[in-house]
Amino acid sequence: MVKALADVQKGDGQAYLEKIIQMPFEMPQASEEDIEAVFWKRLGQIVPEQDCLIQQNCWEVLFDKGVGSYLLSIRDITRYMNTFAFKYAILKGETDLQDLLLLTFLQVFEPETFAQLPFYSDILCGAVVDFLVHEEAKKARIQKVYDALLKSASPNKKQAAEYLLSTLFPELTRCKREFDT
């Protein structure tokens, strides 16, 4: 076979075979602790320590309830950090770091939800829906936005997506709770 390939390829048949036939190489599954450690290490390579004003205990909760749900492998961290590094280079100093981190999680792991955010900026950014006079109309609008955002989230990640959205847009969550009571 090597000789036949050498004739067809007009070169080294053995070298050609080594390029096209590869042995599978299985990597062990990274533990949750390893994934979290790699995440913090990679984030520290992008964001200078003096710029990282996020309180560690706040991030531990965010990681446990939302962010960590999306990071299942080192590849997930790499996908996320590539996008975050680009955005951070452009927006550092212009955007709250925690908001940028969480918005990037939505962009990378919940792209359908992320794509909807501009359509609901009035409510998400805390603007009371003043043009709606009746409380029932306001309640319906807030519920519609809330439902639309969560409906677009990955089925097995709805709770994590809800936590990220409530952290990013506390006014939406506050209004929803207020109307639910």
N, C-alpha and C. Protein backbone atom coordinates (compact mmCIF):
# COMPACT_ATOMS: atom_id res chain seq x y z
N MET A 1 0.81 -1.19 0.00
CA MET A 1 0.00 0.00 0.00
C MET A 1 0.86 1.26 0.00
N VAL A 2 1.95 1.24 0.78
CA VAL A 2 2.85 2.38 0.85
C VAL A 2 3.45 2.64 -0.52
N LYS A 3 3.83 1.56 -1.22
CA LYS A 3 4.42 1.72 -2.55
C LYS A 3 3.40 2.28 -3.53
N ALA A 4 2.14 1.81 -3.46
CA ALA A 4 1.10 2.31 -4.34
C ALA A 4 0.85 3.80 -4.09
N LEU A 5 0.81 4.19 -2.83
CA LEU A 5 0.62 5.61 -2.51
C LEU A 5 1.80 6.45 -2.96
N ALA A 6 3.00 5.89 -2.84
CA ALA A 6 4.19 6.61 -3.29
C ALA A 6 4.11 6.86 -4.80
N ASP A 7 3.61 5.87 -5.55
CA ASP A 7 3.47 6.03 -7.00
C ASP A 7 2.40 7.06 -7.34
N VAL A 8 1.24 6.98 -6.65
CA VAL A 8 0.14 7.88 -6.94
C VAL A 8 0.47 9.31 -6.50
N GLN A 9 1.04 9.46 -5.31
CA GLN A 9 1.32 10.78 -4.74
C GLN A 9 2.65 11.35 -5.23
N LYS A 10 3.40 10.53 -5.90
CA LYS A 10 4.72 10.91 -6.40
C LYS A 10 5.57 11.48 -5.27
N GLY A 11 5.63 10.70 -4.19
CA GLY A 11 6.40 11.12 -3.01
C GLY A 11 6.49 9.98 -2.03
N ASP A 12 6.66 10.31 -0.80
CA ASP A 12 6.81 9.33 0.27
C ASP A 12 5.44 8.81 0.69
N GLY A 13 5.14 7.57 0.37
CA GLY A 13 3.85 6.97 0.70
C GLY A 13 3.65 6.82 2.20
N GLN A 14 4.72 6.53 2.93
CA GLN A 14 4.63 6.39 4.38
C GLN A 14 4.26 7.73 5.02
N ALA A 15 4.87 8.82 4.60
CA ALA A 15 4.56 10.15 5.15
C ALA A 15 3.11 10.52 4.85
N TYR A 16 2.62 10.16 3.68
CA TYR A 16 1.23 10.44 3.33
C TYR A 16 0.28 9.69 4.26
N LEU A 17 0.57 8.41 4.49
CA LEU A 17 -0.27 7.61 5.39
C LEU A 17 -0.27 8.18 6.81
N GLU A 18 0.87 8.65 7.29
CA GLU A 18 0.93 9.21 8.64
C GLU A 18 0.06 10.46 8.76
N LYS A 19 -0.10 11.20 7.68
CA LYS A 19 -0.93 12.40 7.72
C LYS A 19 -2.42 12.08 7.75
N ILE A 20 -2.83 11.04 7.03
CA ILE A 20 -4.27 10.79 6.92
C ILE A 20 -4.80 9.77 7.93
N ILE A 21 -3.95 8.93 8.46
CA ILE A 21 -4.39 7.94 9.44
C ILE A 21 -3.88 8.39 10.80
N GLN A 22 -4.82 8.72 11.66
CA GLN A 22 -4.44 9.21 12.98
C GLN A 22 -5.01 8.30 14.05
N MET A 23 -4.27 8.15 15.09
CA MET A 23 -4.71 7.36 16.23
C MET A 23 -5.61 8.23 17.09
N PRO A 24 -6.71 7.68 17.57
CA PRO A 24 -7.54 8.46 18.49
C PRO A 24 -6.78 8.70 19.79
N PHE A 25 -6.93 9.88 20.31
CA PHE A 25 -6.26 10.24 21.55
C PHE A 25 -7.32 10.74 22.51
N GLU A 26 -7.61 9.95 23.53
CA GLU A 26 -8.68 10.27 24.46
C GLU A 26 -8.11 11.07 25.62
N MET A 27 -8.74 12.19 25.89
CA MET A 27 -8.37 13.02 27.03
C MET A 27 -9.32 12.68 28.17
N PRO A 28 -8.82 12.60 29.38
CA PRO A 28 -9.73 12.34 30.50
C PRO A 28 -10.66 13.54 30.70
N GLN A 29 -11.86 13.26 31.18
CA GLN A 29 -12.83 14.31 31.46
C GLN A 29 -12.30 15.17 32.60
N ALA A 30 -12.32 16.48 32.41
CA ALA A 30 -11.86 17.39 33.45
C ALA A 30 -12.91 17.46 34.57
N SER A 31 -12.46 17.54 35.78
CA SER A 31 -13.38 17.65 36.91
C SER A 31 -13.93 19.08 36.99
N GLU A 32 -15.00 19.25 37.74
CA GLU A 32 -15.56 20.59 37.92
C GLU A 32 -14.53 21.53 38.53
N GLU A 33 -13.74 21.04 39.46
CA GLU A 33 -12.71 21.86 40.10
C GLU A 33 -11.65 22.28 39.08
N ASP A 34 -11.25 21.34 38.22
CA ASP A 34 -10.26 21.66 37.18
C ASP A 34 -10.82 22.70 36.22
N ILE A 35 -12.07 22.54 35.83
CA ILE A 35 -12.69 23.48 34.90
C ILE A 35 -12.75 24.87 35.52
N GLU A 36 -13.16 24.94 36.77
CA GLU A 36 -13.23 26.25 37.44
C GLU A 36 -11.84 26.87 37.56
N ALA A 37 -10.84 26.07 37.90
CA ALA A 37 -9.47 26.58 38.03
C ALA A 37 -8.95 27.10 36.69
N VAL A 38 -9.21 26.36 35.63
CA VAL A 38 -8.77 26.80 34.30
C VAL A 38 -9.50 28.09 33.90
N PHE A 39 -10.79 28.17 34.22
CA PHE A 39 -11.55 29.39 33.92
C PHE A 39 -10.90 30.60 34.59
N TRP A 40 -10.62 30.50 35.90
CA TRP A 40 -10.04 31.64 36.63
C TRP A 40 -8.65 31.97 36.10
N LYS A 41 -7.88 30.95 35.77
CA LYS A 41 -6.53 31.19 35.23
C LYS A 41 -6.60 31.94 33.90
N ARG A 42 -7.46 31.46 33.01
CA ARG A 42 -7.60 32.11 31.70
C ARG A 42 -8.16 33.52 31.83
N LEU A 43 -9.11 33.72 32.75
CA LEU A 43 -9.65 35.07 32.96
C LEU A 43 -8.55 36.00 33.47
N GLY A 44 -7.70 35.49 34.37
CA GLY A 44 -6.59 36.29 34.89
C GLY A 44 -5.57 36.65 33.83
N GLN A 45 -5.49 35.86 32.77
CA GLN A 45 -4.58 36.18 31.66
C GLN A 45 -5.14 37.28 30.77
N ILE A 46 -6.45 37.48 30.83
CA ILE A 46 -7.10 38.50 30.00
C ILE A 46 -7.31 39.79 30.77
N VAL A 47 -7.82 39.67 31.98
CA VAL A 47 -8.17 40.85 32.78
C VAL A 47 -7.08 41.07 33.82
N PRO A 48 -6.43 42.24 33.79
CA PRO A 48 -5.42 42.53 34.82
C PRO A 48 -6.06 42.52 36.21
N GLU A 49 -5.28 42.09 37.19
CA GLU A 49 -5.82 41.95 38.55
C GLU A 49 -6.43 43.24 39.07
N GLN A 50 -5.82 44.38 38.79
CA GLN A 50 -6.35 45.65 39.29
C GLN A 50 -7.69 46.01 38.65
N ASP A 51 -8.00 45.43 37.48
CA ASP A 51 -9.28 45.69 36.82
C ASP A 51 -10.36 44.72 37.26
N CYS A 52 -9.97 43.64 37.90
CA CYS A 52 -10.92 42.61 38.30
C CYS A 52 -11.46 42.93 39.69
N LEU A 53 -12.47 43.79 39.72
CA LEU A 53 -13.03 44.25 40.99
C LEU A 53 -14.23 43.44 41.42
N ILE A 54 -14.46 42.32 40.77
CA ILE A 54 -15.59 41.47 41.13
C ILE A 54 -15.25 40.79 42.45
N GLN A 55 -16.16 40.87 43.37
CA GLN A 55 -15.93 40.23 44.66
C GLN A 55 -15.97 38.71 44.48
N GLN A 56 -14.98 38.05 45.05
CA GLN A 56 -14.85 36.61 44.87
C GLN A 56 -16.09 35.85 45.34
N ASN A 57 -16.65 36.23 46.48
CA ASN A 57 -17.82 35.50 46.97
C ASN A 57 -19.02 35.69 46.05
N CYS A 58 -19.15 36.86 45.45
CA CYS A 58 -20.23 37.10 44.47
C CYS A 58 -20.06 36.19 43.26
N TRP A 59 -18.81 36.06 42.79
CA TRP A 59 -18.56 35.23 41.63
C TRP A 59 -18.70 33.75 41.92
N GLU A 60 -18.41 33.36 43.14
CA GLU A 60 -18.60 31.95 43.49
C GLU A 60 -20.07 31.57 43.37
N VAL A 61 -20.95 32.45 43.82
CA VAL A 61 -22.39 32.19 43.71
C VAL A 61 -22.80 32.18 42.24
N LEU A 62 -22.33 33.17 41.48
CA LEU A 62 -22.64 33.22 40.04
C LEU A 62 -22.14 31.97 39.34
N PHE A 63 -20.96 31.52 39.70
CA PHE A 63 -20.39 30.34 39.07
C PHE A 63 -21.23 29.11 39.40
N ASP A 64 -21.61 28.98 40.68
CA ASP A 64 -22.38 27.82 41.11
C ASP A 64 -23.78 27.78 40.52
N LYS A 65 -24.45 28.93 40.44
CA LYS A 65 -25.85 28.97 40.02
C LYS A 65 -26.05 29.20 38.52
N GLY A 66 -25.06 29.71 37.84
CA GLY A 66 -25.29 30.02 36.43
C GLY A 66 -24.13 29.70 35.52
N VAL A 67 -23.02 30.35 35.72
CA VAL A 67 -21.88 30.27 34.81
C VAL A 67 -21.34 28.85 34.69
N GLY A 68 -21.16 28.18 35.81
CA GLY A 68 -20.59 26.83 35.80
C GLY A 68 -21.40 25.82 35.02
N SER A 69 -22.70 26.06 34.90
CA SER A 69 -23.57 25.14 34.16
C SER A 69 -23.20 25.06 32.68
N TYR A 70 -22.60 26.11 32.18
CA TYR A 70 -22.25 26.16 30.76
C TYR A 70 -20.84 25.66 30.47
N LEU A 71 -20.02 25.58 31.49
CA LEU A 71 -18.63 25.17 31.30
C LEU A 71 -18.48 23.70 31.66
N LEU A 72 -18.62 22.85 30.66
CA LEU A 72 -18.56 21.42 30.90
C LEU A 72 -17.23 20.80 30.46
N SER A 73 -16.43 21.59 29.73
CA SER A 73 -15.15 21.08 29.25
C SER A 73 -14.18 22.24 29.06
N ILE A 74 -12.93 21.90 28.87
CA ILE A 74 -11.92 22.92 28.60
C ILE A 74 -12.22 23.60 27.26
N ARG A 75 -12.79 22.85 26.34
CA ARG A 75 -13.18 23.44 25.05
C ARG A 75 -14.22 24.54 25.25
N ASP A 76 -15.17 24.35 26.16
CA ASP A 76 -16.16 25.38 26.45
C ASP A 76 -15.49 26.65 26.97
N ILE A 77 -14.49 26.47 27.83
CA ILE A 77 -13.76 27.63 28.35
C ILE A 77 -13.04 28.35 27.21
N THR A 78 -12.42 27.59 26.34
CA THR A 78 -11.69 28.19 25.22
C THR A 78 -12.64 28.97 24.31
N ARG A 79 -13.78 28.39 23.98
CA ARG A 79 -14.78 29.11 23.16
C ARG A 79 -15.19 30.41 23.83
N TYR A 80 -15.48 30.32 25.11
CA TYR A 80 -15.91 31.50 25.85
C TYR A 80 -14.80 32.56 25.91
N MET A 81 -13.61 32.16 26.31
CA MET A 81 -12.52 33.11 26.51
C MET A 81 -12.10 33.78 25.20
N ASN A 82 -12.18 33.08 24.08
CA ASN A 82 -11.85 33.71 22.81
C ASN A 82 -12.79 34.88 22.53
N THR A 83 -14.07 34.68 22.77
CA THR A 83 -15.05 35.74 22.55
C THR A 83 -14.88 36.84 23.59
N PHE A 84 -14.73 36.45 24.85
CA PHE A 84 -14.59 37.45 25.91
C PHE A 84 -13.34 38.31 25.72
N ALA A 85 -12.22 37.71 25.36
CA ALA A 85 -10.97 38.46 25.18
C ALA A 85 -11.14 39.53 24.12
N PHE A 86 -11.80 39.19 23.04
CA PHE A 86 -12.04 40.16 21.96
C PHE A 86 -12.92 41.32 22.46
N LYS A 87 -14.03 40.98 23.13
CA LYS A 87 -14.94 42.00 23.63
C LYS A 87 -14.28 42.86 24.70
N TYR A 88 -13.51 42.24 25.58
CA TYR A 88 -12.86 42.97 26.65
C TYR A 88 -11.85 43.97 26.09
N ALA A 89 -11.10 43.56 25.09
CA ALA A 89 -10.11 44.46 24.49
C ALA A 89 -10.77 45.73 23.94
N ILE A 90 -11.96 45.59 23.44
CA ILE A 90 -12.68 46.73 22.86
C ILE A 90 -13.41 47.54 23.93
N LEU A 91 -14.01 46.86 24.91
CA LEU A 91 -14.94 47.51 25.83
C LEU A 91 -14.40 47.76 27.24
N LYS A 92 -13.17 47.36 27.54
CA LYS A 92 -12.68 47.57 28.91
C LYS A 92 -12.73 49.06 29.25
N GLY A 93 -13.16 49.32 30.43
CA GLY A 93 -13.30 50.71 30.86
C GLY A 93 -14.61 51.35 30.44
N GLU A 94 -15.32 50.72 29.52
CA GLU A 94 -16.60 51.25 29.03
C GLU A 94 -17.79 50.50 29.60
N THR A 95 -17.55 49.29 30.06
CA THR A 95 -18.63 48.40 30.50
C THR A 95 -18.24 47.78 31.83
N ASP A 96 -19.22 47.56 32.67
CA ASP A 96 -18.99 46.86 33.93
C ASP A 96 -18.48 45.46 33.61
N LEU A 97 -17.41 45.05 34.29
CA LEU A 97 -16.78 43.76 33.99
C LEU A 97 -17.73 42.59 34.20
N GLN A 98 -18.47 42.61 35.30
CA GLN A 98 -19.40 41.51 35.56
C GLN A 98 -20.47 41.43 34.47
N ASP A 99 -21.00 42.57 34.07
CA ASP A 99 -22.00 42.59 33.00
C ASP A 99 -21.41 42.04 31.70
N LEU A 100 -20.20 42.45 31.39
CA LEU A 100 -19.56 41.97 30.16
C LEU A 100 -19.32 40.46 30.22
N LEU A 101 -18.88 39.97 31.36
CA LEU A 101 -18.67 38.52 31.51
C LEU A 101 -19.98 37.75 31.31
N LEU A 102 -21.05 38.22 31.96
CA LEU A 102 -22.33 37.50 31.88
C LEU A 102 -22.98 37.64 30.51
N LEU A 103 -22.92 38.83 29.93
CA LEU A 103 -23.47 39.00 28.57
C LEU A 103 -22.73 38.11 27.58
N THR A 104 -21.44 37.96 27.77
CA THR A 104 -20.66 37.08 26.89
C THR A 104 -21.07 35.63 27.08
N PHE A 105 -21.40 35.23 28.31
CA PHE A 105 -21.91 33.87 28.52
C PHE A 105 -23.20 33.66 27.73
N LEU A 106 -24.09 34.64 27.79
CA LEU A 106 -25.33 34.51 27.02
C LEU A 106 -25.03 34.46 25.52
N GLN A 107 -24.13 35.31 25.07
CA GLN A 107 -23.81 35.35 23.65
C GLN A 107 -23.24 34.01 23.16
N VAL A 108 -22.34 33.43 23.93
CA VAL A 108 -21.67 32.20 23.50
C VAL A 108 -22.56 30.97 23.68
N PHE A 109 -23.24 30.88 24.83
CA PHE A 109 -23.95 29.65 25.16
C PHE A 109 -25.47 29.72 24.99
N GLU A 110 -26.03 30.91 24.93
CA GLU A 110 -27.47 31.09 24.71
C GLU A 110 -27.68 32.16 23.63
N PRO A 111 -27.19 31.88 22.40
CA PRO A 111 -27.23 32.91 21.36
C PRO A 111 -28.65 33.38 21.00
N GLU A 112 -29.64 32.50 21.09
CA GLU A 112 -31.01 32.93 20.77
C GLU A 112 -31.52 33.92 21.82
N THR A 113 -31.23 33.67 23.05
CA THR A 113 -31.62 34.59 24.13
C THR A 113 -30.88 35.91 23.97
N PHE A 114 -29.58 35.83 23.73
CA PHE A 114 -28.76 37.03 23.57
C PHE A 114 -29.27 37.90 22.42
N ALA A 115 -29.67 37.28 21.32
CA ALA A 115 -30.14 38.03 20.15
C ALA A 115 -31.41 38.81 20.43
N GLN A 116 -32.18 38.37 21.42
CA GLN A 116 -33.44 39.05 21.74
C GLN A 116 -33.26 40.27 22.63
N LEU A 117 -32.16 40.38 23.33
CA LEU A 117 -31.98 41.44 24.31
C LEU A 117 -32.23 42.86 23.77
N PRO A 118 -31.72 43.20 22.58
CA PRO A 118 -31.97 44.56 22.09
C PRO A 118 -33.45 44.89 21.89
N PHE A 119 -34.25 43.89 21.60
CA PHE A 119 -35.68 44.13 21.37
C PHE A 119 -36.43 44.49 22.64
N TYR A 120 -35.85 44.13 23.79
CA TYR A 120 -36.50 44.38 25.07
C TYR A 120 -35.72 45.34 25.94
N SER A 121 -34.87 46.15 25.34
CA SER A 121 -33.99 47.03 26.13
C SER A 121 -34.76 47.98 27.03
N ASP A 122 -35.97 48.40 26.63
CA ASP A 122 -36.75 49.32 27.46
C ASP A 122 -37.02 48.71 28.83
N ILE A 123 -37.46 47.50 28.87
CA ILE A 123 -37.79 46.85 30.13
C ILE A 123 -36.53 46.32 30.82
N LEU A 124 -35.62 45.74 30.07
CA LEU A 124 -34.42 45.16 30.67
C LEU A 124 -33.55 46.19 31.37
N CYS A 125 -33.53 47.39 30.86
CA CYS A 125 -32.69 48.43 31.44
C CYS A 125 -33.42 49.24 32.51
N GLY A 126 -34.57 48.77 32.93
CA GLY A 126 -35.24 49.37 34.06
C GLY A 126 -36.23 50.46 33.73
N ALA A 127 -36.44 50.72 32.47
CA ALA A 127 -37.43 51.74 32.13
C ALA A 127 -38.82 51.19 32.44
N VAL A 128 -39.53 51.91 33.24
CA VAL A 128 -40.89 51.49 33.52
C VAL A 128 -41.69 51.72 32.25
N VAL A 129 -42.56 50.83 31.98
CA VAL A 129 -43.33 50.91 30.75
C VAL A 129 -44.44 51.96 30.96
N ASP A 130 -44.04 53.23 30.92
CA ASP A 130 -44.94 54.33 31.24
C ASP A 130 -46.06 54.50 30.24
N PHE A 131 -45.81 54.10 29.00
CA PHE A 131 -46.86 54.29 28.01
C PHE A 131 -48.04 53.35 28.25
N LEU A 132 -47.82 52.35 29.07
CA LEU A 132 -48.91 51.45 29.44
C LEU A 132 -49.52 51.96 30.74
N VAL A 133 -50.74 52.42 30.68
CA VAL A 133 -51.38 53.08 31.81
C VAL A 133 -51.82 52.07 32.86
N HIS A 134 -52.37 50.99 32.45
CA HIS A 134 -52.95 50.03 33.39
C HIS A 134 -51.89 49.06 33.90
N GLU A 135 -51.98 48.76 35.16
CA GLU A 135 -51.05 47.82 35.78
C GLU A 135 -51.10 46.45 35.12
N GLU A 136 -52.27 46.03 34.71
CA GLU A 136 -52.41 44.72 34.06
C GLU A 136 -51.65 44.69 32.73
N ALA A 137 -51.66 45.80 32.00
CA ALA A 137 -50.92 45.87 30.74
C ALA A 137 -49.41 45.82 31.00
N LYS A 138 -48.97 46.51 32.05
CA LYS A 138 -47.55 46.47 32.41
C LYS A 138 -47.14 45.05 32.81
N LYS A 139 -47.97 44.44 33.62
CA LYS A 139 -47.71 43.08 34.07
C LYS A 139 -47.62 42.13 32.89
N ALA A 140 -48.54 42.26 31.95
CA ALA A 140 -48.55 41.40 30.77
C ALA A 140 -47.29 41.60 29.93
N ARG A 141 -46.85 42.84 29.78
CA ARG A 141 -45.66 43.14 28.98
C ARG A 141 -44.41 42.54 29.64
N ILE A 142 -44.28 42.73 30.94
CA ILE A 142 -43.12 42.19 31.65
C ILE A 142 -43.13 40.66 31.59
N GLN A 143 -44.28 40.06 31.78
CA GLN A 143 -44.38 38.60 31.72
C GLN A 143 -44.03 38.10 30.32
N LYS A 144 -44.46 38.82 29.30
CA LYS A 144 -44.17 38.43 27.92
C LYS A 144 -42.66 38.45 27.66
N VAL A 145 -42.00 39.49 28.12
CA VAL A 145 -40.55 39.60 27.94
C VAL A 145 -39.84 38.47 28.68
N TYR A 146 -40.21 38.28 29.92
CA TYR A 146 -39.61 37.24 30.76
C TYR A 146 -39.78 35.86 30.11
N ASP A 147 -40.98 35.57 29.70
CA ASP A 147 -41.27 34.27 29.08
C ASP A 147 -40.51 34.09 27.76
N ALA A 148 -40.46 35.13 26.95
CA ALA A 148 -39.77 35.04 25.66
C ALA A 148 -38.29 34.75 25.85
N LEU A 149 -37.68 35.43 26.80
CA LEU A 149 -36.25 35.21 27.03
C LEU A 149 -35.98 33.79 27.54
N LEU A 150 -36.79 33.33 28.47
CA LEU A 150 -36.57 31.99 29.00
C LEU A 150 -36.95 30.89 28.02
N LYS A 151 -37.93 31.16 27.19
CA LYS A 151 -38.33 30.17 26.18
C LYS A 151 -37.19 29.90 25.20
N SER A 152 -36.40 30.94 24.91
CA SER A 152 -35.32 30.78 23.94
C SER A 152 -34.07 30.14 24.55
N ALA A 153 -34.04 29.98 25.85
CA ALA A 153 -32.87 29.37 26.51
C ALA A 153 -32.86 27.86 26.26
N SER A 154 -31.69 27.28 26.35
CA SER A 154 -31.54 25.83 26.20
C SER A 154 -32.43 25.13 27.21
N PRO A 155 -33.15 24.11 26.79
CA PRO A 155 -34.09 23.43 27.69
C PRO A 155 -33.46 22.94 29.00
N ASN A 156 -32.27 22.41 28.93
CA ASN A 156 -31.64 21.87 30.14
C ASN A 156 -30.84 22.93 30.92
N LYS A 157 -30.89 24.18 30.47
CA LYS A 157 -30.14 25.25 31.13
C LYS A 157 -31.03 26.42 31.53
N LYS A 158 -32.33 26.22 31.55
CA LYS A 158 -33.26 27.32 31.84
C LYS A 158 -32.99 27.97 33.20
N GLN A 159 -32.72 27.17 34.21
CA GLN A 159 -32.49 27.72 35.54
C GLN A 159 -31.21 28.57 35.55
N ALA A 160 -30.16 28.10 34.90
CA ALA A 160 -28.92 28.87 34.82
C ALA A 160 -29.13 30.15 34.02
N ALA A 161 -29.84 30.06 32.90
CA ALA A 161 -30.12 31.25 32.09
C ALA A 161 -30.94 32.25 32.88
N GLU A 162 -31.91 31.76 33.62
CA GLU A 162 -32.75 32.64 34.44
C GLU A 162 -31.90 33.37 35.48
N TYR A 163 -30.96 32.66 36.07
CA TYR A 163 -30.10 33.29 37.07
C TYR A 163 -29.21 34.36 36.43
N LEU A 164 -28.63 34.06 35.26
CA LEU A 164 -27.82 35.06 34.57
C LEU A 164 -28.65 36.29 34.22
N LEU A 165 -29.85 36.07 33.69
CA LEU A 165 -30.72 37.20 33.33
C LEU A 165 -31.11 38.01 34.55
N SER A 166 -31.41 37.35 35.65
CA SER A 166 -31.82 38.08 36.85
C SER A 166 -30.65 38.88 37.43
N THR A 167 -29.44 38.39 37.27
CA THR A 167 -28.26 39.12 37.73
C THR A 167 -27.98 40.32 36.83
N LEU A 168 -28.10 40.11 35.54
CA LEU A 168 -27.88 41.20 34.59
C LEU A 168 -28.97 42.26 34.63
N PHE A 169 -30.20 41.81 34.79
CA PHE A 169 -31.35 42.71 34.70
C PHE A 169 -32.22 42.59 35.95
N PRO A 170 -31.73 43.06 37.07
CA PRO A 170 -32.48 42.89 38.32
C PRO A 170 -33.83 43.59 38.32
N GLU A 171 -33.96 44.65 37.56
CA GLU A 171 -35.24 45.37 37.52
C GLU A 171 -36.34 44.51 36.90
N LEU A 172 -36.01 43.77 35.89
CA LEU A 172 -36.99 42.87 35.27
C LEU A 172 -37.48 41.85 36.29
N THR A 173 -36.54 41.26 37.02
CA THR A 173 -36.90 40.26 38.03
C THR A 173 -37.71 40.89 39.15
N ARG A 174 -37.30 42.09 39.59
CA ARG A 174 -38.03 42.78 40.65
C ARG A 174 -39.47 43.07 40.23
N CYS A 175 -39.63 43.57 39.02
CA CYS A 175 -40.98 43.87 38.53
C CYS A 175 -41.82 42.60 38.41
N LYS A 176 -41.20 41.55 37.92
CA LYS A 176 -41.95 40.29 37.78
C LYS A 176 -42.39 39.79 39.15
N ARG A 177 -41.50 39.81 40.13
CA ARG A 177 -41.86 39.37 41.48
C ARG A 177 -42.95 40.26 42.07
N GLU A 178 -42.82 41.56 41.84
CA GLU A 178 -43.80 42.51 42.36
C GLU A 178 -45.20 42.21 41.79
N PHE A 179 -45.24 41.93 40.50
CA PHE A 179 -46.53 41.64 39.88
C PHE A 179 -47.05 40.25 40.25
N ASP A 180 -46.14 39.32 40.55
CA ASP A 180 -46.57 37.96 40.90
C ASP A 180 -47.18 37.87 42.30
N THR A 181 -46.88 38.86 43.12
CA THR A 181 -47.44 38.81 44.49
C THR A 181 -48.80 39.45 44.60
